Amino acid sequence: MQDLVQSGGWMMLPILISSVVALAIVGERFWTLRPSKLTPPGTLPQVRGWLKKGQLNAQRLKALREESPLGRILATGLANARHGRDIMKESIQEEATGVVHDLEKYLSTLGSIAAVAPLLGLLGTVIGMIDVFAAIMMHGTGDAAQLAGGISQALLTTAAGLVVAIPAIFFHRFFVRRVEEITVGMEQSAVHLVDLVHGEREATPGQTPGEKT
């Protein structure tokens, strides 16, 4: 492995750094974007129980806010519920914007690595081919084995760039999709809460938003 990196020339260094950064982001996002951590299934039923029993207070709101990102959104809505339905919805939307921004953290960096890595590989190959043709001009084409070796080394950076870019593209799209799914789930829970607080219907998990009971 070390020989391959050295054979690829100095352009292998930024590709290697990109691979390390991409691997770190993938690991961190897998740990952070866990649905069970972001949208615990028991959060909304717990809030419903508090409302029905009249047990909602500042201490429970604080605990709800610290429990999970979904809890942050619901707690913000509950804190502004007394100001009316529209204000409650606006406060939820503002809080949700910040939550979604946190969920998308590092994904733009991962997407940039996916786009840049093959270009770095191509640049390394072009530089290597320039060196090969410079050697041909100086020494001719007498040693075919040496020329083949030089071309092989030049192509190593392209291969390395693709090895980094392909998984980066896959995981970038995977995490973007996961964020979208989590966001939809949070939106549905927030709609249930708004309708529950303002008495339009009894919100239940899994019920389609807008469906009457």
N, C-alpha and C. Protein backbone atom coordinates (compact mmCIF):
# COMPACT_ATOMS: atom_id res chain seq x y z
N MET A 1 0.83 -1.20 0.00
CA MET A 1 0.00 0.00 0.00
C MET A 1 0.86 1.26 0.00
N GLN A 2 1.89 1.23 0.84
CA GLN A 2 2.79 2.38 0.91
C GLN A 2 3.52 2.58 -0.40
N ASP A 3 3.87 1.48 -1.06
CA ASP A 3 4.55 1.58 -2.35
C ASP A 3 3.64 2.20 -3.41
N LEU A 4 2.34 1.85 -3.36
CA LEU A 4 1.40 2.42 -4.33
C LEU A 4 1.24 3.92 -4.12
N VAL A 5 1.17 4.34 -2.85
CA VAL A 5 1.04 5.77 -2.55
C VAL A 5 2.27 6.52 -3.03
N GLN A 6 3.46 5.95 -2.79
CA GLN A 6 4.69 6.60 -3.21
C GLN A 6 4.80 6.62 -4.73
N SER A 7 4.32 5.57 -5.38
CA SER A 7 4.42 5.50 -6.84
C SER A 7 3.52 6.53 -7.51
N GLY A 8 2.40 6.86 -6.86
CA GLY A 8 1.47 7.81 -7.45
C GLY A 8 1.95 9.24 -7.43
N GLY A 9 2.99 9.53 -6.69
CA GLY A 9 3.52 10.89 -6.65
C GLY A 9 2.85 11.75 -5.59
N TRP A 10 3.19 13.03 -5.59
CA TRP A 10 2.73 13.92 -4.53
C TRP A 10 1.22 14.18 -4.57
N MET A 11 0.57 13.95 -5.73
CA MET A 11 -0.87 14.15 -5.81
C MET A 11 -1.64 13.10 -5.01
N MET A 12 -0.97 12.03 -4.62
CA MET A 12 -1.62 11.03 -3.78
C MET A 12 -1.89 11.57 -2.37
N LEU A 13 -1.12 12.58 -1.95
CA LEU A 13 -1.28 13.11 -0.59
C LEU A 13 -2.66 13.75 -0.39
N PRO A 14 -3.10 14.70 -1.24
CA PRO A 14 -4.44 15.25 -1.02
C PRO A 14 -5.55 14.22 -1.19
N ILE A 15 -5.34 13.24 -2.06
CA ILE A 15 -6.35 12.17 -2.20
C ILE A 15 -6.42 11.35 -0.93
N LEU A 16 -5.28 11.06 -0.35
CA LEU A 16 -5.25 10.29 0.90
C LEU A 16 -5.90 11.08 2.03
N ILE A 17 -5.61 12.37 2.11
CA ILE A 17 -6.24 13.21 3.14
C ILE A 17 -7.76 13.24 2.95
N SER A 18 -8.20 13.35 1.70
CA SER A 18 -9.63 13.35 1.40
C SER A 18 -10.29 12.05 1.86
N SER A 19 -9.61 10.96 1.66
CA SER A 19 -10.18 9.66 2.07
C SER A 19 -10.33 9.58 3.58
N VAL A 20 -9.35 10.10 4.31
CA VAL A 20 -9.42 10.08 5.78
C VAL A 20 -10.57 10.96 6.27
N VAL A 21 -10.71 12.15 5.68
CA VAL A 21 -11.80 13.06 6.07
C VAL A 21 -13.16 12.43 5.75
N ALA A 22 -13.28 11.84 4.57
CA ALA A 22 -14.55 11.21 4.19
C ALA A 22 -14.89 10.07 5.12
N LEU A 23 -13.91 9.27 5.49
CA LEU A 23 -14.15 8.15 6.41
C LEU A 23 -14.60 8.66 7.77
N ALA A 24 -13.98 9.73 8.23
CA ALA A 24 -14.36 10.30 9.53
C ALA A 24 -15.79 10.83 9.50
N ILE A 25 -16.17 11.49 8.41
CA ILE A 25 -17.53 12.03 8.29
C ILE A 25 -18.55 10.90 8.25
N VAL A 26 -18.26 9.86 7.49
CA VAL A 26 -19.19 8.73 7.40
C VAL A 26 -19.41 8.10 8.77
N GLY A 27 -18.33 7.88 9.50
CA GLY A 27 -18.46 7.31 10.84
C GLY A 27 -19.26 8.20 11.77
N GLU A 28 -18.96 9.51 11.74
CA GLU A 28 -19.66 10.44 12.62
C GLU A 28 -21.14 10.54 12.28
N ARG A 29 -21.48 10.57 10.98
CA ARG A 29 -22.88 10.69 10.57
C ARG A 29 -23.67 9.41 10.89
N PHE A 30 -23.03 8.26 10.74
CA PHE A 30 -23.70 7.02 11.11
C PHE A 30 -24.08 7.04 12.60
N TRP A 31 -23.18 7.56 13.43
CA TRP A 31 -23.43 7.62 14.86
C TRP A 31 -24.48 8.68 15.20
N THR A 32 -24.43 9.81 14.52
CA THR A 32 -25.31 10.92 14.85
C THR A 32 -26.71 10.75 14.29
N LEU A 33 -26.82 10.27 13.05
CA LEU A 33 -28.13 10.19 12.39
C LEU A 33 -28.82 8.87 12.68
N ARG A 34 -28.94 8.56 13.95
CA ARG A 34 -29.69 7.37 14.36
C ARG A 34 -31.13 7.77 14.66
N PRO A 35 -32.10 7.20 13.96
CA PRO A 35 -33.50 7.58 14.21
C PRO A 35 -33.92 7.40 15.66
N SER A 36 -33.43 6.36 16.30
CA SER A 36 -33.82 6.12 17.70
C SER A 36 -33.32 7.23 18.62
N LYS A 37 -32.25 7.90 18.23
CA LYS A 37 -31.71 8.99 19.03
C LYS A 37 -32.38 10.32 18.67
N LEU A 38 -32.67 10.52 17.39
CA LEU A 38 -33.20 11.80 16.92
C LEU A 38 -34.71 11.92 17.11
N THR A 39 -35.43 10.82 16.84
CA THR A 39 -36.89 10.83 16.97
C THR A 39 -37.35 9.61 17.76
N PRO A 40 -37.12 9.60 19.07
CA PRO A 40 -37.55 8.46 19.89
C PRO A 40 -39.05 8.21 19.73
N PRO A 41 -39.46 6.98 19.50
CA PRO A 41 -40.88 6.69 19.23
C PRO A 41 -41.81 7.01 20.40
N GLY A 42 -41.28 7.07 21.61
CA GLY A 42 -42.15 7.32 22.76
C GLY A 42 -42.34 8.78 23.11
N THR A 43 -41.70 9.68 22.36
CA THR A 43 -41.74 11.10 22.72
C THR A 43 -43.14 11.68 22.59
N LEU A 44 -43.79 11.51 21.44
CA LEU A 44 -45.11 12.09 21.23
C LEU A 44 -46.17 11.49 22.16
N PRO A 45 -46.23 10.16 22.34
CA PRO A 45 -47.18 9.61 23.31
C PRO A 45 -46.96 10.14 24.73
N GLN A 46 -45.70 10.35 25.09
CA GLN A 46 -45.40 10.90 26.41
C GLN A 46 -45.96 12.31 26.56
N VAL A 47 -45.77 13.14 25.55
CA VAL A 47 -46.30 14.50 25.58
C VAL A 47 -47.82 14.48 25.63
N ARG A 48 -48.43 13.59 24.86
CA ARG A 48 -49.89 13.49 24.87
C ARG A 48 -50.40 13.14 26.27
N GLY A 49 -49.69 12.22 26.93
CA GLY A 49 -50.08 11.86 28.28
C GLY A 49 -49.98 13.03 29.25
N TRP A 50 -48.92 13.80 29.13
CA TRP A 50 -48.77 14.98 29.99
C TRP A 50 -49.92 15.96 29.79
N LEU A 51 -50.29 16.18 28.52
CA LEU A 51 -51.36 17.13 28.22
C LEU A 51 -52.70 16.64 28.76
N LYS A 52 -52.99 15.36 28.56
CA LYS A 52 -54.26 14.83 29.02
C LYS A 52 -54.40 14.89 30.54
N LYS A 53 -53.29 14.66 31.24
CA LYS A 53 -53.33 14.63 32.70
C LYS A 53 -53.02 16.00 33.32
N GLY A 54 -52.74 16.99 32.46
CA GLY A 54 -52.42 18.31 32.98
C GLY A 54 -51.12 18.36 33.75
N GLN A 55 -50.17 17.54 33.33
CA GLN A 55 -48.89 17.43 34.04
C GLN A 55 -47.75 18.19 33.36
N LEU A 56 -48.08 18.95 32.32
CA LEU A 56 -47.03 19.66 31.61
C LEU A 56 -46.58 20.87 32.41
N ASN A 57 -45.29 20.96 32.68
CA ASN A 57 -44.74 22.10 33.43
C ASN A 57 -43.37 22.45 32.87
N ALA A 58 -42.76 23.48 33.43
CA ALA A 58 -41.47 23.97 32.93
C ALA A 58 -40.38 22.91 33.05
N GLN A 59 -40.42 22.13 34.11
CA GLN A 59 -39.40 21.10 34.31
C GLN A 59 -39.49 20.02 33.24
N ARG A 60 -40.72 19.61 32.94
CA ARG A 60 -40.90 18.58 31.90
C ARG A 60 -40.54 19.14 30.52
N LEU A 61 -40.86 20.40 30.27
CA LEU A 61 -40.48 21.01 29.00
C LEU A 61 -38.96 21.04 28.83
N LYS A 62 -38.27 21.36 29.90
CA LYS A 62 -36.80 21.38 29.85
C LYS A 62 -36.24 19.99 29.57
N ALA A 63 -36.80 18.98 30.25
CA ALA A 63 -36.35 17.60 30.02
C ALA A 63 -36.65 17.16 28.59
N LEU A 64 -37.82 17.56 28.09
CA LEU A 64 -38.20 17.21 26.72
C LEU A 64 -37.25 17.85 25.72
N ARG A 65 -36.88 19.10 25.95
CA ARG A 65 -35.98 19.81 25.05
C ARG A 65 -34.60 19.16 25.00
N GLU A 66 -34.15 18.65 26.13
CA GLU A 66 -32.81 18.06 26.21
C GLU A 66 -32.77 16.61 25.78
N GLU A 67 -33.94 16.01 25.59
CA GLU A 67 -34.01 14.58 25.30
C GLU A 67 -33.54 14.24 23.89
N SER A 68 -33.99 15.03 22.90
CA SER A 68 -33.70 14.71 21.50
C SER A 68 -34.03 15.92 20.63
N PRO A 69 -33.58 15.91 19.37
CA PRO A 69 -33.96 16.99 18.45
C PRO A 69 -35.48 17.10 18.28
N LEU A 70 -36.18 15.95 18.21
CA LEU A 70 -37.64 16.00 18.14
C LEU A 70 -38.21 16.65 19.39
N GLY A 71 -37.63 16.33 20.54
CA GLY A 71 -38.06 16.95 21.78
C GLY A 71 -37.87 18.46 21.77
N ARG A 72 -36.78 18.93 21.16
CA ARG A 72 -36.55 20.37 21.03
C ARG A 72 -37.69 21.04 20.27
N ILE A 73 -38.08 20.41 19.16
CA ILE A 73 -39.13 20.99 18.32
C ILE A 73 -40.46 21.00 19.07
N LEU A 74 -40.82 19.88 19.69
CA LEU A 74 -42.09 19.80 20.40
C LEU A 74 -42.12 20.74 21.60
N ALA A 75 -41.01 20.83 22.31
CA ALA A 75 -40.96 21.72 23.48
C ALA A 75 -41.12 23.18 23.06
N THR A 76 -40.51 23.55 21.95
CA THR A 76 -40.67 24.92 21.45
C THR A 76 -42.11 25.21 21.09
N GLY A 77 -42.77 24.25 20.44
CA GLY A 77 -44.18 24.44 20.11
C GLY A 77 -45.06 24.56 21.34
N LEU A 78 -44.81 23.71 22.33
CA LEU A 78 -45.61 23.75 23.56
C LEU A 78 -45.39 25.05 24.32
N ALA A 79 -44.16 25.56 24.30
CA ALA A 79 -43.87 26.80 25.01
C ALA A 79 -44.60 27.99 24.39
N ASN A 80 -44.92 27.89 23.11
CA ASN A 80 -45.60 28.99 22.41
C ASN A 80 -47.06 28.68 22.11
N ALA A 81 -47.58 27.58 22.65
CA ALA A 81 -48.94 27.16 22.35
C ALA A 81 -49.98 28.18 22.79
N ARG A 82 -49.71 28.87 23.89
CA ARG A 82 -50.70 29.83 24.43
C ARG A 82 -50.88 31.05 23.53
N HIS A 83 -49.97 31.27 22.60
CA HIS A 83 -50.05 32.43 21.72
C HIS A 83 -50.91 32.17 20.49
N GLY A 84 -51.43 30.97 20.36
CA GLY A 84 -52.29 30.66 19.22
C GLY A 84 -51.64 29.67 18.27
N ARG A 85 -52.48 29.12 17.42
CA ARG A 85 -52.03 28.08 16.49
C ARG A 85 -50.94 28.58 15.54
N ASP A 86 -51.14 29.76 14.95
CA ASP A 86 -50.19 30.26 13.97
C ASP A 86 -48.82 30.52 14.58
N ILE A 87 -48.79 31.15 15.74
CA ILE A 87 -47.51 31.42 16.41
C ILE A 87 -46.84 30.11 16.79
N MET A 88 -47.63 29.15 17.25
CA MET A 88 -47.06 27.85 17.61
C MET A 88 -46.41 27.19 16.40
N LYS A 89 -47.09 27.22 15.25
CA LYS A 89 -46.53 26.62 14.04
C LYS A 89 -45.27 27.34 13.58
N GLU A 90 -45.26 28.67 13.67
CA GLU A 90 -44.08 29.43 13.26
C GLU A 90 -42.88 29.11 14.14
N SER A 91 -43.13 29.00 15.45
CA SER A 91 -42.02 28.69 16.36
C SER A 91 -41.47 27.30 16.09
N ILE A 92 -42.36 26.36 15.77
CA ILE A 92 -41.92 25.00 15.44
C ILE A 92 -41.09 25.01 14.16
N GLN A 93 -41.53 25.75 13.16
CA GLN A 93 -40.79 25.82 11.90
C GLN A 93 -39.41 26.43 12.08
N GLU A 94 -39.32 27.47 12.90
CA GLU A 94 -38.02 28.10 13.16
C GLU A 94 -37.07 27.12 13.87
N GLU A 95 -37.59 26.43 14.85
CA GLU A 95 -36.76 25.46 15.58
C GLU A 95 -36.36 24.30 14.67
N ALA A 96 -37.30 23.86 13.83
CA ALA A 96 -37.02 22.74 12.92
C ALA A 96 -35.94 23.11 11.92
N THR A 97 -35.90 24.37 11.50
CA THR A 97 -34.85 24.82 10.58
C THR A 97 -33.47 24.62 11.18
N GLY A 98 -33.32 24.98 12.44
CA GLY A 98 -32.04 24.78 13.12
C GLY A 98 -31.71 23.31 13.30
N VAL A 99 -32.71 22.50 13.60
CA VAL A 99 -32.49 21.07 13.78
C VAL A 99 -32.03 20.42 12.47
N VAL A 100 -32.72 20.76 11.38
CA VAL A 100 -32.34 20.19 10.07
C VAL A 100 -30.94 20.63 9.67
N HIS A 101 -30.60 21.87 9.98
CA HIS A 101 -29.24 22.34 9.69
C HIS A 101 -28.20 21.49 10.42
N ASP A 102 -28.49 21.13 11.67
CA ASP A 102 -27.57 20.26 12.41
C ASP A 102 -27.50 18.87 11.80
N LEU A 103 -28.64 18.37 11.32
CA LEU A 103 -28.66 17.03 10.72
C LEU A 103 -27.83 16.99 9.44
N GLU A 104 -27.78 18.10 8.72
CA GLU A 104 -27.05 18.15 7.45
C GLU A 104 -25.58 18.50 7.63
N LYS A 105 -25.14 18.61 8.86
CA LYS A 105 -23.76 18.98 9.15
C LYS A 105 -22.78 18.01 8.48
N TYR A 106 -21.76 18.55 7.85
CA TYR A 106 -20.68 17.81 7.18
C TYR A 106 -21.10 17.16 5.86
N LEU A 107 -22.39 17.14 5.53
CA LEU A 107 -22.79 16.47 4.29
C LEU A 107 -22.29 17.22 3.06
N SER A 108 -22.24 18.54 3.14
CA SER A 108 -21.71 19.31 2.00
C SER A 108 -20.22 19.02 1.80
N THR A 109 -19.51 18.83 2.92
CA THR A 109 -18.08 18.48 2.82
C THR A 109 -17.91 17.12 2.16
N LEU A 110 -18.75 16.17 2.56
CA LEU A 110 -18.68 14.83 1.97
C LEU A 110 -19.01 14.89 0.47
N GLY A 111 -19.99 15.69 0.09
CA GLY A 111 -20.32 15.85 -1.32
C GLY A 111 -19.18 16.49 -2.10
N SER A 112 -18.51 17.45 -1.46
CA SER A 112 -17.37 18.11 -2.13
C SER A 112 -16.23 17.13 -2.36
N ILE A 113 -15.98 16.27 -1.38
CA ILE A 113 -14.93 15.26 -1.54
C ILE A 113 -15.28 14.32 -2.69
N ALA A 114 -16.56 13.93 -2.77
CA ALA A 114 -16.99 13.04 -3.85
C ALA A 114 -16.77 13.68 -5.22
N ALA A 115 -16.91 15.00 -5.30
CA ALA A 115 -16.74 15.69 -6.58
C ALA A 115 -15.28 15.98 -6.90
N VAL A 116 -14.49 16.29 -5.86
CA VAL A 116 -13.11 16.74 -6.08
C VAL A 116 -12.14 15.57 -6.23
N ALA A 117 -12.37 14.47 -5.52
CA ALA A 117 -11.41 13.36 -5.51
C ALA A 117 -11.07 12.84 -6.91
N PRO A 118 -12.05 12.58 -7.79
CA PRO A 118 -11.67 12.12 -9.13
C PRO A 118 -10.92 13.17 -9.94
N LEU A 119 -11.21 14.46 -9.68
CA LEU A 119 -10.49 15.52 -10.38
C LEU A 119 -9.03 15.57 -9.93
N LEU A 120 -8.82 15.36 -8.63
CA LEU A 120 -7.44 15.29 -8.14
C LEU A 120 -6.71 14.11 -8.78
N GLY A 121 -7.42 12.99 -8.89
CA GLY A 121 -6.81 11.82 -9.54
C GLY A 121 -6.47 12.09 -10.98
N LEU A 122 -7.37 12.75 -11.69
CA LEU A 122 -7.12 13.08 -13.09
C LEU A 122 -5.96 14.05 -13.23
N LEU A 123 -5.90 15.02 -12.33
CA LEU A 123 -4.78 15.97 -12.36
C LEU A 123 -3.45 15.25 -12.15
N GLY A 124 -3.44 14.31 -11.20
CA GLY A 124 -2.22 13.54 -10.97
C GLY A 124 -1.81 12.73 -12.18
N THR A 125 -2.80 12.17 -12.88
CA THR A 125 -2.50 11.41 -14.10
C THR A 125 -1.94 12.31 -15.20
N VAL A 126 -2.53 13.49 -15.35
CA VAL A 126 -2.04 14.42 -16.37
C VAL A 126 -0.60 14.83 -16.07
N ILE A 127 -0.32 15.13 -14.81
CA ILE A 127 1.05 15.50 -14.43
C ILE A 127 2.01 14.34 -14.70
N GLY A 128 1.56 13.12 -14.37
CA GLY A 128 2.40 11.95 -14.62
C GLY A 128 2.65 11.73 -16.10
N MET A 129 1.63 11.92 -16.93
CA MET A 129 1.81 11.74 -18.37
C MET A 129 2.73 12.81 -18.95
N ILE A 130 2.65 14.01 -18.41
CA ILE A 130 3.58 15.05 -18.85
C ILE A 130 5.02 14.63 -18.58
N ASP A 131 5.24 14.05 -17.40
CA ASP A 131 6.59 13.57 -17.07
C ASP A 131 7.02 12.44 -18.01
N VAL A 132 6.06 11.55 -18.36
CA VAL A 132 6.39 10.44 -19.26
C VAL A 132 6.80 10.98 -20.64
N PHE A 133 6.04 11.91 -21.16
CA PHE A 133 6.37 12.45 -22.48
C PHE A 133 7.65 13.27 -22.45
N ALA A 134 7.92 13.90 -21.33
CA ALA A 134 9.20 14.61 -21.19
C ALA A 134 10.36 13.64 -21.24
N ALA A 135 10.18 12.47 -20.60
CA ALA A 135 11.22 11.43 -20.63
C ALA A 135 11.40 10.89 -22.04
N ILE A 136 10.31 10.76 -22.79
CA ILE A 136 10.40 10.28 -24.17
C ILE A 136 11.19 11.27 -25.03
N MET A 137 10.96 12.55 -24.82
CA MET A 137 11.68 13.56 -25.59
C MET A 137 13.17 13.53 -25.29
N MET A 138 13.53 13.22 -24.05
CA MET A 138 14.94 13.22 -23.68
C MET A 138 15.65 11.93 -24.04
N HIS A 139 14.94 10.79 -23.83
CA HIS A 139 15.62 9.49 -23.97
C HIS A 139 15.06 8.62 -25.08
N GLY A 140 14.01 9.08 -25.74
CA GLY A 140 13.44 8.28 -26.81
C GLY A 140 12.53 7.19 -26.26
N THR A 141 12.11 6.29 -27.13
CA THR A 141 11.17 5.23 -26.74
C THR A 141 11.84 3.87 -26.73
N GLY A 142 13.12 3.84 -26.50
CA GLY A 142 13.85 2.58 -26.56
C GLY A 142 13.46 1.61 -25.47
N ASP A 143 13.19 2.11 -24.27
CA ASP A 143 12.87 1.23 -23.14
C ASP A 143 11.36 1.22 -22.93
N ALA A 144 10.69 0.27 -23.58
CA ALA A 144 9.23 0.19 -23.49
C ALA A 144 8.76 -0.14 -22.07
N ALA A 145 9.53 -0.96 -21.37
CA ALA A 145 9.15 -1.34 -20.00
C ALA A 145 9.14 -0.13 -19.09
N GLN A 146 10.12 0.74 -19.24
CA GLN A 146 10.19 1.94 -18.41
C GLN A 146 9.02 2.88 -18.71
N LEU A 147 8.68 3.00 -20.00
CA LEU A 147 7.55 3.85 -20.37
C LEU A 147 6.23 3.29 -19.81
N ALA A 148 6.06 1.99 -19.91
CA ALA A 148 4.85 1.36 -19.38
C ALA A 148 4.74 1.57 -17.88
N GLY A 149 5.88 1.48 -17.20
CA GLY A 149 5.89 1.70 -15.75
C GLY A 149 5.52 3.13 -15.41
N GLY A 150 6.04 4.07 -16.21
CA GLY A 150 5.71 5.48 -15.96
C GLY A 150 4.23 5.76 -16.18
N ILE A 151 3.66 5.19 -17.23
CA ILE A 151 2.23 5.38 -17.49
C ILE A 151 1.39 4.74 -16.39
N SER A 152 1.82 3.55 -15.96
CA SER A 152 1.11 2.86 -14.88
C SER A 152 1.09 3.70 -13.61
N GLN A 153 2.22 4.29 -13.28
CA GLN A 153 2.28 5.14 -12.09
C GLN A 153 1.39 6.37 -12.24
N ALA A 154 1.35 6.92 -13.46
CA ALA A 154 0.51 8.10 -13.68
C ALA A 154 -0.97 7.78 -13.48
N LEU A 155 -1.38 6.58 -13.90
CA LEU A 155 -2.79 6.20 -13.79
C LEU A 155 -3.19 5.84 -12.36
N LEU A 156 -2.25 5.64 -11.47
CA LEU A 156 -2.56 5.27 -10.09
C LEU A 156 -3.40 6.35 -9.40
N THR A 157 -3.11 7.61 -9.70
CA THR A 157 -3.85 8.68 -9.02
C THR A 157 -5.32 8.71 -9.45
N THR A 158 -5.57 8.43 -10.73
CA THR A 158 -6.96 8.36 -11.18
C THR A 158 -7.70 7.24 -10.47
N ALA A 159 -7.07 6.08 -10.38
CA ALA A 159 -7.69 4.96 -9.68
C ALA A 159 -7.95 5.31 -8.22
N ALA A 160 -6.96 5.94 -7.58
CA ALA A 160 -7.11 6.31 -6.17
C ALA A 160 -8.24 7.32 -5.98
N GLY A 161 -8.33 8.29 -6.89
CA GLY A 161 -9.40 9.28 -6.80
C GLY A 161 -10.77 8.64 -6.92
N LEU A 162 -10.91 7.67 -7.82
CA LEU A 162 -12.19 6.98 -7.98
C LEU A 162 -12.53 6.12 -6.77
N VAL A 163 -11.51 5.50 -6.20
CA VAL A 163 -11.73 4.68 -5.00
C VAL A 163 -12.28 5.52 -3.86
N VAL A 164 -11.84 6.76 -3.77
CA VAL A 164 -12.35 7.66 -2.72
C VAL A 164 -13.72 8.21 -3.10
N ALA A 165 -13.90 8.58 -4.37
CA ALA A 165 -15.11 9.28 -4.80
C ALA A 165 -16.34 8.38 -4.80
N ILE A 166 -16.21 7.14 -5.25
CA ILE A 166 -17.39 6.27 -5.38
C ILE A 166 -18.07 6.02 -4.04
N PRO A 167 -17.35 5.60 -2.99
CA PRO A 167 -18.02 5.45 -1.69
C PRO A 167 -18.54 6.78 -1.14
N ALA A 168 -17.81 7.87 -1.40
CA ALA A 168 -18.24 9.17 -0.90
C ALA A 168 -19.58 9.57 -1.52
N ILE A 169 -19.74 9.34 -2.82
CA ILE A 169 -21.02 9.64 -3.48
C ILE A 169 -22.14 8.79 -2.90
N PHE A 170 -21.86 7.51 -2.72
CA PHE A 170 -22.89 6.60 -2.18
C PHE A 170 -23.34 7.05 -0.80
N PHE A 171 -22.40 7.31 0.11
CA PHE A 171 -22.77 7.67 1.48
C PHE A 171 -23.38 9.07 1.55
N HIS A 172 -22.96 9.97 0.67
CA HIS A 172 -23.57 11.29 0.66
C HIS A 172 -25.05 11.18 0.34
N ARG A 173 -25.39 10.43 -0.69
CA ARG A 173 -26.79 10.26 -1.06
C ARG A 173 -27.54 9.48 0.01
N PHE A 174 -26.89 8.52 0.62
CA PHE A 174 -27.52 7.73 1.69
C PHE A 174 -27.90 8.62 2.87
N PHE A 175 -26.98 9.49 3.28
CA PHE A 175 -27.26 10.34 4.44
C PHE A 175 -28.26 11.45 4.10
N VAL A 176 -28.21 11.96 2.88
CA VAL A 176 -29.21 12.96 2.47
C VAL A 176 -30.60 12.35 2.54
N ARG A 177 -30.73 11.13 2.08
CA ARG A 177 -32.02 10.44 2.13
C ARG A 177 -32.45 10.20 3.58
N ARG A 178 -31.52 9.82 4.42
CA ARG A 178 -31.86 9.59 5.82
C ARG A 178 -32.33 10.88 6.49
N VAL A 179 -31.67 11.99 6.21
CA VAL A 179 -32.08 13.28 6.77
C VAL A 179 -33.49 13.63 6.31
N GLU A 180 -33.78 13.37 5.04
CA GLU A 180 -35.13 13.65 4.52
C GLU A 180 -36.18 12.83 5.25
N GLU A 181 -35.89 11.55 5.48
CA GLU A 181 -36.85 10.68 6.17
C GLU A 181 -37.06 11.14 7.62
N ILE A 182 -35.98 11.50 8.29
CA ILE A 182 -36.09 11.96 9.67
C ILE A 182 -36.87 13.27 9.73
N THR A 183 -36.61 14.16 8.77
CA THR A 183 -37.31 15.44 8.73
C THR A 183 -38.80 15.26 8.54
N VAL A 184 -39.18 14.35 7.65
CA VAL A 184 -40.60 14.08 7.43
C VAL A 184 -41.26 13.55 8.70
N GLY A 185 -40.57 12.66 9.40
CA GLY A 185 -41.11 12.14 10.64
C GLY A 185 -41.31 13.22 11.69
N MET A 186 -40.35 14.14 11.78
CA MET A 186 -40.48 15.25 12.73
C MET A 186 -41.64 16.16 12.35
N GLU A 187 -41.80 16.42 11.06
CA GLU A 187 -42.90 17.27 10.61
C GLU A 187 -44.26 16.66 10.97
N GLN A 188 -44.38 15.36 10.77
CA GLN A 188 -45.63 14.69 11.09
C GLN A 188 -45.93 14.76 12.59
N SER A 189 -44.90 14.55 13.41
CA SER A 189 -45.10 14.63 14.85
C SER A 189 -45.49 16.04 15.27
N ALA A 190 -44.88 17.06 14.65
CA ALA A 190 -45.21 18.44 14.98
C ALA A 190 -46.64 18.78 14.60
N VAL A 191 -47.10 18.27 13.43
CA VAL A 191 -48.49 18.51 13.00
C VAL A 191 -49.46 17.87 13.99
N HIS A 192 -49.16 16.65 14.42
CA HIS A 192 -50.00 15.99 15.41
C HIS A 192 -50.08 16.81 16.70
N LEU A 193 -48.96 17.34 17.12
CA LEU A 193 -48.93 18.11 18.36
C LEU A 193 -49.77 19.39 18.24
N VAL A 194 -49.61 20.11 17.14
CA VAL A 194 -50.37 21.35 16.95
C VAL A 194 -51.86 21.07 16.97
N ASP A 195 -52.28 20.04 16.25
CA ASP A 195 -53.70 19.72 16.21
C ASP A 195 -54.21 19.21 17.55
N LEU A 196 -53.37 18.51 18.27
CA LEU A 196 -53.76 18.00 19.58
C LEU A 196 -53.95 19.15 20.56
N VAL A 197 -53.01 20.08 20.59
CA VAL A 197 -53.07 21.19 21.53
C VAL A 197 -54.26 22.09 21.25
N HIS A 198 -54.55 22.30 19.97
CA HIS A 198 -55.63 23.22 19.62
C HIS A 198 -56.95 22.53 19.34
N GLY A 199 -57.00 21.23 19.68
CA GLY A 199 -58.28 20.53 19.77
C GLY A 199 -58.97 20.19 18.49
N GLU A 200 -58.27 20.19 17.33
CA GLU A 200 -58.95 19.86 16.08
C GLU A 200 -59.16 18.37 15.94
N ARG A 201 -58.23 17.60 16.47
CA ARG A 201 -58.39 16.15 16.44
C ARG A 201 -57.47 15.53 17.45
N GLU A 202 -57.68 14.29 17.75
CA GLU A 202 -56.82 13.55 18.65
C GLU A 202 -55.69 12.98 17.82
N ALA A 203 -54.49 13.55 17.99
CA ALA A 203 -53.36 13.10 17.16
C ALA A 203 -52.87 11.76 17.65
N THR A 204 -52.63 10.86 16.73
CA THR A 204 -52.10 9.55 17.07
C THR A 204 -50.94 9.25 16.16
N PRO A 205 -49.88 8.57 16.68
CA PRO A 205 -48.73 8.25 15.83
C PRO A 205 -49.16 7.40 14.64
N GLY A 206 -48.62 7.72 13.46
CA GLY A 206 -48.89 6.96 12.26
C GLY A 206 -50.10 7.43 11.49
N GLN A 207 -50.89 8.38 12.10
CA GLN A 207 -52.06 8.90 11.39
C GLN A 207 -51.63 9.91 10.35
N THR A 208 -52.23 9.88 9.22
CA THR A 208 -51.87 10.80 8.14
C THR A 208 -52.24 12.22 8.53
N PRO A 209 -51.33 13.22 8.39
CA PRO A 209 -51.65 14.59 8.70
C PRO A 209 -52.88 15.05 7.92
N GLY A 210 -53.82 15.66 8.62
CA GLY A 210 -55.01 16.14 7.97
C GLY A 210 -56.16 15.16 8.05
N GLU A 211 -55.90 13.93 8.52
CA GLU A 211 -56.97 12.94 8.63
C GLU A 211 -57.77 13.17 9.87
N LYS A 212 -59.08 13.19 9.77
CA LYS A 212 -59.96 13.43 10.91
C LYS A 212 -60.27 12.12 11.61
N THR A 213 -60.45 12.25 12.92
CA THR A 213 -60.84 11.08 13.67
C THR A 213 -62.32 11.18 14.02
